[in-house]
N, C-alpha and C. Protein backbone atom coordinates (compact mmCIF):
# COMPACT_ATOMS: atom_id res chain seq x y z
N MET A 1 0.85 -1.17 0.00
CA MET A 1 0.00 0.00 0.00
C MET A 1 0.89 1.23 0.00
N THR A 2 0.49 2.22 -0.78
CA THR A 2 1.29 3.42 -0.95
C THR A 2 0.60 4.61 -0.32
N ALA A 3 1.25 5.25 0.62
CA ALA A 3 0.69 6.45 1.23
C ALA A 3 0.99 7.64 0.33
N THR A 4 -0.01 8.46 0.09
CA THR A 4 0.18 9.63 -0.76
C THR A 4 0.20 10.92 0.04
N GLY A 5 -0.31 10.86 1.27
CA GLY A 5 -0.45 12.08 2.07
C GLY A 5 -1.73 12.82 1.74
N GLU A 6 -2.41 12.41 0.71
CA GLU A 6 -3.68 13.02 0.32
C GLU A 6 -4.81 12.31 1.08
N ARG A 7 -5.56 13.08 1.86
CA ARG A 7 -6.64 12.52 2.66
C ARG A 7 -7.95 12.60 1.89
N VAL A 8 -8.72 11.52 1.96
CA VAL A 8 -10.03 11.46 1.31
C VAL A 8 -11.03 10.83 2.27
N GLU A 9 -12.30 11.06 1.98
CA GLU A 9 -13.33 10.42 2.77
C GLU A 9 -13.60 9.04 2.18
N ARG A 10 -13.48 8.03 3.00
CA ARG A 10 -13.90 6.69 2.60
C ARG A 10 -15.42 6.66 2.72
N VAL A 11 -16.09 6.15 1.69
CA VAL A 11 -17.56 6.13 1.68
C VAL A 11 -18.05 4.71 1.42
N ASP A 12 -19.35 4.51 1.67
CA ASP A 12 -19.93 3.19 1.45
C ASP A 12 -20.64 3.13 0.10
N GLU A 13 -21.33 2.06 -0.15
CA GLU A 13 -22.02 1.85 -1.44
C GLU A 13 -23.13 2.88 -1.70
N GLN A 14 -23.58 3.57 -0.66
CA GLN A 14 -24.59 4.62 -0.82
C GLN A 14 -23.96 6.01 -0.77
N ASP A 15 -22.63 6.08 -0.81
CA ASP A 15 -21.89 7.34 -0.80
C ASP A 15 -22.00 8.07 0.54
N ARG A 16 -22.11 7.30 1.63
CA ARG A 16 -22.12 7.88 2.97
C ARG A 16 -20.72 7.76 3.56
N VAL A 17 -20.26 8.82 4.21
CA VAL A 17 -18.92 8.86 4.78
C VAL A 17 -18.80 7.88 5.93
N ILE A 18 -17.72 7.07 5.90
CA ILE A 18 -17.48 6.14 7.01
C ILE A 18 -16.11 6.37 7.65
N GLY A 19 -15.34 7.34 7.13
CA GLY A 19 -14.06 7.66 7.73
C GLY A 19 -13.18 8.45 6.77
N VAL A 20 -12.06 8.91 7.28
CA VAL A 20 -11.08 9.63 6.47
C VAL A 20 -9.83 8.77 6.40
N VAL A 21 -9.32 8.56 5.18
CA VAL A 21 -8.17 7.69 4.97
C VAL A 21 -7.21 8.33 3.97
N ASP A 22 -6.04 7.75 3.84
CA ASP A 22 -5.08 8.16 2.83
C ASP A 22 -5.57 7.66 1.47
N ARG A 23 -5.49 8.50 0.45
CA ARG A 23 -5.99 8.10 -0.87
C ARG A 23 -5.23 6.89 -1.41
N GLY A 24 -3.94 6.84 -1.21
CA GLY A 24 -3.16 5.69 -1.67
C GLY A 24 -3.65 4.40 -1.05
N GLU A 25 -3.98 4.45 0.23
CA GLU A 25 -4.52 3.27 0.90
C GLU A 25 -5.90 2.92 0.36
N ALA A 26 -6.74 3.95 0.12
CA ALA A 26 -8.08 3.71 -0.43
C ALA A 26 -7.98 3.00 -1.78
N VAL A 27 -7.06 3.45 -2.62
CA VAL A 27 -6.89 2.84 -3.94
C VAL A 27 -6.35 1.42 -3.80
N ALA A 28 -5.31 1.25 -2.98
CA ALA A 28 -4.69 -0.07 -2.81
C ALA A 28 -5.66 -1.10 -2.24
N ARG A 29 -6.52 -0.67 -1.33
CA ARG A 29 -7.47 -1.59 -0.69
C ARG A 29 -8.83 -1.63 -1.39
N HIS A 30 -8.95 -0.87 -2.47
CA HIS A 30 -10.21 -0.81 -3.24
C HIS A 30 -11.37 -0.30 -2.39
N TRP A 31 -11.07 0.69 -1.53
CA TRP A 31 -12.09 1.32 -0.72
C TRP A 31 -12.74 2.44 -1.54
N LEU A 32 -14.03 2.56 -1.43
CA LEU A 32 -14.73 3.64 -2.12
C LEU A 32 -14.36 4.99 -1.52
N HIS A 33 -14.19 5.97 -2.39
CA HIS A 33 -13.96 7.35 -1.99
C HIS A 33 -14.60 8.23 -3.07
N ARG A 34 -14.42 9.53 -3.00
CA ARG A 34 -15.10 10.44 -3.92
C ARG A 34 -14.12 11.11 -4.87
N VAL A 35 -14.52 11.16 -6.14
CA VAL A 35 -13.76 11.86 -7.17
C VAL A 35 -14.73 12.80 -7.88
N ALA A 36 -14.30 14.04 -8.09
CA ALA A 36 -15.13 15.04 -8.76
C ALA A 36 -14.44 15.47 -10.05
N THR A 37 -15.21 15.50 -11.13
CA THR A 37 -14.65 15.86 -12.43
C THR A 37 -15.54 16.88 -13.13
N THR A 38 -14.96 17.52 -14.14
CA THR A 38 -15.70 18.48 -14.95
C THR A 38 -15.47 18.18 -16.42
N VAL A 39 -16.56 18.22 -17.17
CA VAL A 39 -16.53 18.17 -18.63
C VAL A 39 -16.54 19.63 -19.07
N CYS A 40 -15.54 20.03 -19.83
CA CYS A 40 -15.47 21.42 -20.31
C CYS A 40 -15.96 21.50 -21.75
N ARG A 41 -16.80 22.50 -22.00
CA ARG A 41 -17.25 22.78 -23.36
C ARG A 41 -16.93 24.23 -23.68
N ASP A 42 -16.76 24.52 -24.96
CA ASP A 42 -16.54 25.89 -25.36
C ASP A 42 -17.86 26.50 -25.84
N ALA A 43 -17.82 27.74 -26.29
CA ALA A 43 -19.03 28.44 -26.72
C ALA A 43 -19.68 27.79 -27.95
N HIS A 44 -18.95 26.93 -28.65
CA HIS A 44 -19.47 26.25 -29.83
C HIS A 44 -19.98 24.84 -29.51
N GLY A 45 -19.94 24.45 -28.23
CA GLY A 45 -20.43 23.14 -27.82
C GLY A 45 -19.40 22.03 -27.95
N ARG A 46 -18.17 22.37 -28.32
CA ARG A 46 -17.13 21.35 -28.43
C ARG A 46 -16.64 20.96 -27.03
N PHE A 47 -16.05 19.79 -26.95
CA PHE A 47 -15.57 19.23 -25.69
C PHE A 47 -14.05 19.30 -25.62
N LEU A 48 -13.54 19.60 -24.43
CA LEU A 48 -12.10 19.60 -24.21
C LEU A 48 -11.63 18.18 -23.95
N VAL A 49 -10.62 17.75 -24.67
CA VAL A 49 -9.95 16.49 -24.38
C VAL A 49 -8.49 16.81 -24.08
N HIS A 50 -7.87 15.95 -23.33
CA HIS A 50 -6.45 16.16 -23.04
C HIS A 50 -5.73 14.83 -22.89
N ARG A 51 -4.42 14.91 -23.02
CA ARG A 51 -3.56 13.74 -22.82
C ARG A 51 -2.83 13.94 -21.51
N ARG A 52 -2.80 12.90 -20.72
CA ARG A 52 -2.11 12.93 -19.44
C ARG A 52 -0.60 12.80 -19.68
N PRO A 53 0.21 13.44 -18.86
CA PRO A 53 1.66 13.30 -19.03
C PRO A 53 2.10 11.84 -18.86
N GLY A 54 3.19 11.49 -19.47
CA GLY A 54 3.72 10.14 -19.36
C GLY A 54 4.29 9.82 -18.00
N THR A 55 4.42 10.82 -17.14
CA THR A 55 5.04 10.64 -15.83
C THR A 55 4.05 10.44 -14.69
N VAL A 56 2.74 10.56 -14.95
CA VAL A 56 1.76 10.42 -13.86
C VAL A 56 1.56 8.95 -13.51
N SER A 57 1.11 8.69 -12.29
CA SER A 57 0.97 7.30 -11.82
C SER A 57 -0.25 6.59 -12.40
N ARG A 58 -1.31 7.33 -12.67
CA ARG A 58 -2.53 6.71 -13.19
C ARG A 58 -2.72 7.10 -14.66
N PHE A 59 -2.80 6.13 -15.52
CA PHE A 59 -3.05 6.31 -16.95
C PHE A 59 -2.05 7.25 -17.64
N PRO A 60 -0.77 7.01 -17.48
CA PRO A 60 0.22 7.87 -18.13
C PRO A 60 0.06 7.85 -19.65
N GLY A 61 0.07 9.05 -20.25
CA GLY A 61 -0.01 9.19 -21.70
C GLY A 61 -1.38 8.92 -22.29
N ALA A 62 -2.39 8.64 -21.46
CA ALA A 62 -3.73 8.34 -21.96
C ALA A 62 -4.53 9.63 -22.16
N TYR A 63 -5.57 9.53 -22.97
CA TYR A 63 -6.45 10.66 -23.27
C TYR A 63 -7.72 10.55 -22.44
N THR A 64 -8.31 11.71 -22.11
CA THR A 64 -9.58 11.75 -21.40
C THR A 64 -10.27 13.07 -21.66
N TRP A 65 -11.51 13.14 -21.27
CA TRP A 65 -12.28 14.38 -21.39
C TRP A 65 -12.68 14.93 -20.04
N LEU A 66 -12.23 14.27 -18.96
CA LEU A 66 -12.58 14.67 -17.60
C LEU A 66 -11.42 15.38 -16.93
N ILE A 67 -11.70 16.53 -16.34
CA ILE A 67 -10.73 17.27 -15.53
C ILE A 67 -11.15 17.07 -14.09
N GLY A 68 -10.26 16.59 -13.23
CA GLY A 68 -10.68 16.43 -11.85
C GLY A 68 -9.74 15.63 -11.00
N GLY A 69 -10.25 15.28 -9.83
CA GLY A 69 -9.46 14.52 -8.87
C GLY A 69 -10.29 14.24 -7.63
N ALA A 70 -9.63 13.75 -6.61
CA ALA A 70 -10.30 13.36 -5.37
C ALA A 70 -10.85 14.57 -4.62
N ALA A 71 -12.03 14.38 -4.05
CA ALA A 71 -12.60 15.39 -3.17
C ALA A 71 -11.90 15.32 -1.82
N GLU A 72 -11.64 16.46 -1.24
CA GLU A 72 -11.00 16.52 0.07
C GLU A 72 -12.04 16.26 1.16
N PRO A 73 -11.62 15.84 2.34
CA PRO A 73 -12.60 15.62 3.42
C PRO A 73 -13.44 16.88 3.67
N GLY A 74 -14.76 16.68 3.73
CA GLY A 74 -15.68 17.78 3.97
C GLY A 74 -16.01 18.61 2.74
N GLU A 75 -15.42 18.32 1.61
CA GLU A 75 -15.61 19.09 0.40
C GLU A 75 -16.72 18.47 -0.45
N SER A 76 -17.64 19.28 -0.93
CA SER A 76 -18.70 18.77 -1.80
C SER A 76 -18.12 18.41 -3.16
N TYR A 77 -18.86 17.59 -3.89
CA TYR A 77 -18.44 17.25 -5.26
C TYR A 77 -18.29 18.52 -6.10
N GLU A 78 -19.26 19.42 -6.00
CA GLU A 78 -19.24 20.64 -6.80
C GLU A 78 -18.04 21.51 -6.47
N ARG A 79 -17.76 21.68 -5.20
CA ARG A 79 -16.61 22.50 -4.77
C ARG A 79 -15.30 21.84 -5.23
N ALA A 80 -15.21 20.52 -5.11
CA ALA A 80 -14.00 19.81 -5.55
C ALA A 80 -13.81 19.95 -7.06
N ALA A 81 -14.90 19.86 -7.82
CA ALA A 81 -14.81 20.00 -9.28
C ALA A 81 -14.30 21.39 -9.66
N ALA A 82 -14.82 22.42 -9.00
CA ALA A 82 -14.38 23.79 -9.28
C ALA A 82 -12.91 23.98 -8.89
N ARG A 83 -12.51 23.43 -7.76
CA ARG A 83 -11.11 23.54 -7.33
C ARG A 83 -10.17 22.85 -8.31
N GLU A 84 -10.52 21.64 -8.73
CA GLU A 84 -9.69 20.90 -9.67
C GLU A 84 -9.60 21.61 -11.02
N LEU A 85 -10.69 22.21 -11.46
CA LEU A 85 -10.70 22.97 -12.71
C LEU A 85 -9.71 24.13 -12.64
N ALA A 86 -9.70 24.82 -11.52
CA ALA A 86 -8.76 25.93 -11.33
C ALA A 86 -7.32 25.42 -11.25
N GLU A 87 -7.10 24.33 -10.52
CA GLU A 87 -5.74 23.79 -10.37
C GLU A 87 -5.18 23.25 -11.67
N GLU A 88 -5.97 22.49 -12.41
CA GLU A 88 -5.45 21.80 -13.59
C GLU A 88 -5.49 22.63 -14.87
N LEU A 89 -6.46 23.54 -14.99
CA LEU A 89 -6.60 24.33 -16.22
C LEU A 89 -6.42 25.83 -16.02
N GLY A 90 -6.32 26.27 -14.76
CA GLY A 90 -6.22 27.70 -14.51
C GLY A 90 -7.51 28.44 -14.85
N VAL A 91 -8.65 27.73 -14.75
CA VAL A 91 -9.95 28.28 -15.13
C VAL A 91 -10.84 28.40 -13.91
N ARG A 92 -11.44 29.56 -13.76
CA ARG A 92 -12.46 29.74 -12.74
C ARG A 92 -13.78 29.94 -13.50
N ALA A 93 -14.62 28.92 -13.42
CA ALA A 93 -15.91 28.95 -14.12
C ALA A 93 -16.93 28.22 -13.28
N PRO A 94 -18.19 28.63 -13.37
CA PRO A 94 -19.23 27.89 -12.64
C PRO A 94 -19.31 26.45 -13.16
N VAL A 95 -19.43 25.51 -12.23
CA VAL A 95 -19.61 24.11 -12.61
C VAL A 95 -21.04 23.72 -12.25
N ARG A 96 -21.64 22.94 -13.12
CA ARG A 96 -23.02 22.48 -12.93
C ARG A 96 -23.00 20.97 -12.80
N PRO A 97 -23.56 20.42 -11.71
CA PRO A 97 -23.60 18.96 -11.57
C PRO A 97 -24.41 18.32 -12.71
N LEU A 98 -23.88 17.25 -13.27
CA LEU A 98 -24.59 16.50 -14.32
C LEU A 98 -25.12 15.18 -13.78
N PHE A 99 -24.22 14.36 -13.23
CA PHE A 99 -24.63 13.07 -12.69
C PHE A 99 -23.52 12.53 -11.82
N ARG A 100 -23.86 11.50 -11.06
CA ARG A 100 -22.91 10.85 -10.16
C ARG A 100 -23.19 9.36 -10.24
N PHE A 101 -22.13 8.56 -10.22
CA PHE A 101 -22.34 7.11 -10.25
C PHE A 101 -21.19 6.39 -9.58
N LEU A 102 -21.46 5.16 -9.19
CA LEU A 102 -20.44 4.31 -8.59
C LEU A 102 -19.62 3.73 -9.72
N CYS A 103 -18.43 4.24 -9.90
CA CYS A 103 -17.54 3.81 -10.98
C CYS A 103 -16.67 2.67 -10.44
N ARG A 104 -16.72 1.55 -11.10
CA ARG A 104 -15.93 0.40 -10.64
C ARG A 104 -14.46 0.63 -10.90
N GLY A 105 -14.11 1.50 -11.81
CA GLY A 105 -12.75 1.97 -12.01
C GLY A 105 -11.77 0.94 -12.51
N ALA A 106 -10.91 1.36 -13.39
CA ALA A 106 -9.87 0.48 -13.92
C ALA A 106 -8.78 0.21 -12.88
N VAL A 107 -8.60 1.15 -11.94
CA VAL A 107 -7.57 1.01 -10.91
C VAL A 107 -8.19 0.64 -9.57
N SER A 108 -9.30 1.29 -9.24
CA SER A 108 -9.96 1.10 -7.95
C SER A 108 -11.37 1.70 -8.06
N PRO A 109 -12.33 1.21 -7.28
CA PRO A 109 -13.68 1.78 -7.36
C PRO A 109 -13.78 3.11 -6.61
N TYR A 110 -14.72 3.94 -7.04
CA TYR A 110 -14.95 5.23 -6.40
C TYR A 110 -16.29 5.79 -6.87
N TRP A 111 -16.82 6.74 -6.12
CA TRP A 111 -17.99 7.49 -6.55
C TRP A 111 -17.49 8.62 -7.43
N LEU A 112 -18.05 8.75 -8.61
CA LEU A 112 -17.61 9.77 -9.57
C LEU A 112 -18.72 10.80 -9.77
N GLY A 113 -18.43 12.04 -9.40
CA GLY A 113 -19.34 13.15 -9.66
C GLY A 113 -18.89 13.85 -10.93
N VAL A 114 -19.77 13.93 -11.93
CA VAL A 114 -19.43 14.56 -13.20
C VAL A 114 -20.18 15.89 -13.30
N HIS A 115 -19.44 16.94 -13.59
CA HIS A 115 -19.97 18.29 -13.69
C HIS A 115 -19.68 18.82 -15.09
N GLU A 116 -20.24 19.99 -15.37
CA GLU A 116 -20.03 20.61 -16.66
C GLU A 116 -19.72 22.09 -16.46
N ALA A 117 -18.83 22.62 -17.30
CA ALA A 117 -18.53 24.05 -17.30
C ALA A 117 -18.37 24.50 -18.74
N VAL A 118 -18.90 25.67 -19.03
CA VAL A 118 -18.66 26.29 -20.32
C VAL A 118 -17.48 27.25 -20.12
N VAL A 119 -16.41 27.01 -20.87
CA VAL A 119 -15.18 27.77 -20.73
C VAL A 119 -15.05 28.70 -21.93
N THR A 120 -15.00 30.00 -21.65
CA THR A 120 -14.94 30.97 -22.74
C THR A 120 -13.60 31.69 -22.81
N GLY A 121 -12.81 31.61 -21.77
CA GLY A 121 -11.52 32.29 -21.77
C GLY A 121 -10.39 31.33 -22.10
N GLY A 122 -9.19 31.84 -21.96
CA GLY A 122 -8.01 31.03 -22.23
C GLY A 122 -7.75 30.00 -21.14
N LEU A 123 -7.00 28.98 -21.50
CA LEU A 123 -6.63 27.91 -20.59
C LEU A 123 -5.16 28.04 -20.23
N THR A 124 -4.83 27.69 -18.99
CA THR A 124 -3.44 27.63 -18.54
C THR A 124 -3.23 26.26 -17.92
N PRO A 125 -3.08 25.22 -18.76
CA PRO A 125 -2.96 23.86 -18.23
C PRO A 125 -1.71 23.67 -17.37
N ASP A 126 -1.88 22.93 -16.29
CA ASP A 126 -0.76 22.54 -15.44
C ASP A 126 -0.03 21.41 -16.17
N PRO A 127 1.24 21.61 -16.56
CA PRO A 127 1.95 20.57 -17.30
C PRO A 127 2.16 19.28 -16.52
N ALA A 128 2.03 19.32 -15.20
CA ALA A 128 2.13 18.10 -14.41
C ALA A 128 0.86 17.26 -14.54
N GLU A 129 -0.22 17.86 -15.06
CA GLU A 129 -1.51 17.17 -15.20
C GLU A 129 -1.95 16.99 -16.65
N ILE A 130 -1.56 17.94 -17.51
CA ILE A 130 -2.04 17.96 -18.89
C ILE A 130 -0.87 18.19 -19.83
N ALA A 131 -0.61 17.19 -20.70
CA ALA A 131 0.50 17.29 -21.64
C ALA A 131 0.08 17.90 -22.98
N TRP A 132 -1.18 17.77 -23.32
CA TRP A 132 -1.71 18.26 -24.60
C TRP A 132 -3.21 18.42 -24.43
N HIS A 133 -3.83 19.34 -25.17
CA HIS A 133 -5.29 19.48 -25.13
C HIS A 133 -5.81 20.03 -26.44
N ALA A 134 -7.10 19.77 -26.71
CA ALA A 134 -7.76 20.29 -27.91
C ALA A 134 -9.26 20.26 -27.69
N TRP A 135 -9.98 21.08 -28.46
CA TRP A 135 -11.44 21.09 -28.46
C TRP A 135 -11.90 20.19 -29.60
N VAL A 136 -12.85 19.28 -29.32
CA VAL A 136 -13.33 18.34 -30.33
C VAL A 136 -14.86 18.29 -30.31
N THR A 137 -15.43 17.84 -31.40
CA THR A 137 -16.87 17.65 -31.49
C THR A 137 -17.27 16.37 -30.76
N GLY A 138 -18.57 16.20 -30.57
CA GLY A 138 -19.07 14.98 -29.93
C GLY A 138 -18.69 13.74 -30.70
N SER A 139 -18.76 13.77 -32.02
CA SER A 139 -18.41 12.59 -32.81
C SER A 139 -16.91 12.31 -32.74
N GLU A 140 -16.09 13.36 -32.70
CA GLU A 140 -14.64 13.16 -32.55
C GLU A 140 -14.33 12.57 -31.17
N LEU A 141 -15.04 13.03 -30.16
CA LEU A 141 -14.84 12.50 -28.81
C LEU A 141 -15.23 11.03 -28.74
N ARG A 142 -16.36 10.67 -29.35
CA ARG A 142 -16.77 9.26 -29.38
C ARG A 142 -15.69 8.40 -30.02
N ALA A 143 -15.14 8.87 -31.13
CA ALA A 143 -14.10 8.10 -31.82
C ALA A 143 -12.86 7.95 -30.94
N MET A 144 -12.47 9.01 -30.26
CA MET A 144 -11.30 8.94 -29.38
C MET A 144 -11.53 7.97 -28.22
N ALA A 145 -12.75 8.00 -27.66
CA ALA A 145 -13.08 7.17 -26.50
C ALA A 145 -13.09 5.69 -26.85
N ALA A 146 -13.24 5.37 -28.11
CA ALA A 146 -13.25 3.96 -28.55
C ALA A 146 -11.85 3.38 -28.67
N ARG A 147 -10.84 4.22 -28.60
CA ARG A 147 -9.45 3.76 -28.74
C ARG A 147 -8.91 3.26 -27.40
N PRO A 148 -7.97 2.32 -27.45
CA PRO A 148 -7.40 1.80 -26.20
C PRO A 148 -6.55 2.82 -25.44
N THR A 149 -6.22 3.95 -26.06
CA THR A 149 -5.43 4.98 -25.41
C THR A 149 -6.28 5.96 -24.60
N PHE A 150 -7.59 5.71 -24.53
CA PHE A 150 -8.51 6.58 -23.77
C PHE A 150 -8.70 5.99 -22.38
N VAL A 151 -8.71 6.82 -21.35
CA VAL A 151 -8.89 6.36 -19.97
C VAL A 151 -10.24 5.63 -19.88
N PRO A 152 -10.24 4.35 -19.46
CA PRO A 152 -11.48 3.58 -19.42
C PRO A 152 -12.58 4.20 -18.57
N ASP A 153 -12.22 4.81 -17.45
CA ASP A 153 -13.21 5.42 -16.58
C ASP A 153 -13.87 6.62 -17.28
N GLY A 154 -13.10 7.35 -18.08
CA GLY A 154 -13.65 8.45 -18.86
C GLY A 154 -14.60 7.95 -19.93
N ALA A 155 -14.27 6.81 -20.54
CA ALA A 155 -15.16 6.21 -21.54
C ALA A 155 -16.47 5.77 -20.89
N GLU A 156 -16.39 5.26 -19.66
CA GLU A 156 -17.61 4.86 -18.93
C GLU A 156 -18.47 6.08 -18.65
N ALA A 157 -17.87 7.18 -18.21
CA ALA A 157 -18.63 8.41 -17.95
C ALA A 157 -19.26 8.93 -19.25
N LEU A 158 -18.56 8.79 -20.34
CA LEU A 158 -19.08 9.22 -21.63
C LEU A 158 -20.34 8.43 -22.00
N ARG A 159 -20.31 7.13 -21.77
CA ARG A 159 -21.48 6.29 -22.06
C ARG A 159 -22.69 6.67 -21.19
N ARG A 160 -22.42 7.18 -20.00
CA ARG A 160 -23.50 7.52 -19.06
C ARG A 160 -23.97 8.97 -19.18
N HIS A 161 -23.32 9.77 -19.98
CA HIS A 161 -23.64 11.20 -20.08
C HIS A 161 -25.12 11.38 -20.43
N PRO A 162 -25.87 12.15 -19.63
CA PRO A 162 -27.32 12.25 -19.81
C PRO A 162 -27.77 13.07 -21.02
N ALA A 163 -26.92 13.89 -21.58
CA ALA A 163 -27.34 14.77 -22.66
C ALA A 163 -27.56 14.03 -23.97
N GLY A 164 -27.08 12.81 -24.05
CA GLY A 164 -27.25 12.07 -25.29
C GLY A 164 -26.38 12.63 -26.40
N ALA A 165 -25.39 13.43 -26.06
CA ALA A 165 -24.53 14.07 -27.06
C ALA A 165 -23.72 13.06 -27.84
N PHE A 166 -23.71 11.86 -27.37
CA PHE A 166 -22.80 10.89 -27.95
C PHE A 166 -23.51 9.85 -28.77
N ARG A 167 -24.78 10.08 -29.03
CA ARG A 167 -25.51 9.23 -29.96
C ARG A 167 -25.40 9.87 -31.33
N PRO A 168 -25.20 9.11 -32.37
CA PRO A 168 -25.06 9.68 -33.70
C PRO A 168 -26.23 10.59 -34.05
N GLY A 169 -25.90 11.72 -34.68
CA GLY A 169 -26.92 12.64 -35.15
C GLY A 169 -27.45 13.60 -34.10
N ARG A 170 -26.93 13.54 -32.90
CA ARG A 170 -27.40 14.41 -31.82
C ARG A 170 -26.39 15.50 -31.54
N THR A 171 -26.80 16.74 -31.48
CA THR A 171 -25.92 17.86 -31.21
C THR A 171 -26.25 18.43 -29.84
N VAL A 172 -25.23 18.86 -29.12
CA VAL A 172 -25.44 19.48 -27.83
C VAL A 172 -25.07 20.94 -27.95
N SER A 173 -25.92 21.81 -27.46
CA SER A 173 -25.59 23.23 -27.46
C SER A 173 -25.21 23.64 -26.05
N PRO A 174 -24.35 24.64 -25.92
CA PRO A 174 -23.95 25.09 -24.58
C PRO A 174 -25.14 25.59 -23.79
N SER A 175 -25.08 25.39 -22.48
CA SER A 175 -26.16 25.86 -21.59
C SER A 175 -26.12 27.36 -21.46
């Protein structure tokens, strides 16, 4: 088990807090905890995708459309999503909750809160988190998510997205 120093709330199958633990231990022991993410769209309805650096511990060099990370103890999903958006992209934008689900995860299970933000200004990606990024259409995102280089948990969130943006012939407009 690897200690990370990052504290998270361990939760049960109903997403109720049962204690505070080290995130590394939660992952190693497959304990449920909370992760908050944001799907970013631009004014044209395109989705932000990015490639993770080759040096990160989880999914090095893989592509995803989710910006986020673990919620801190006592932090709501929405607050964690906004914090992660600011940390990883240098963006301060309102985040809107979309959905939450128990993600069985490629590495470890966790509750995943997915949010949405419309980003109209410039991005300042943290190079420790984002090696490359681009805005893509829904059909381009679907094609990317079908590749083995896409983070599996991100592909699962894409399949569950309530807007139906990922069904052929369906367009999503910004909120």
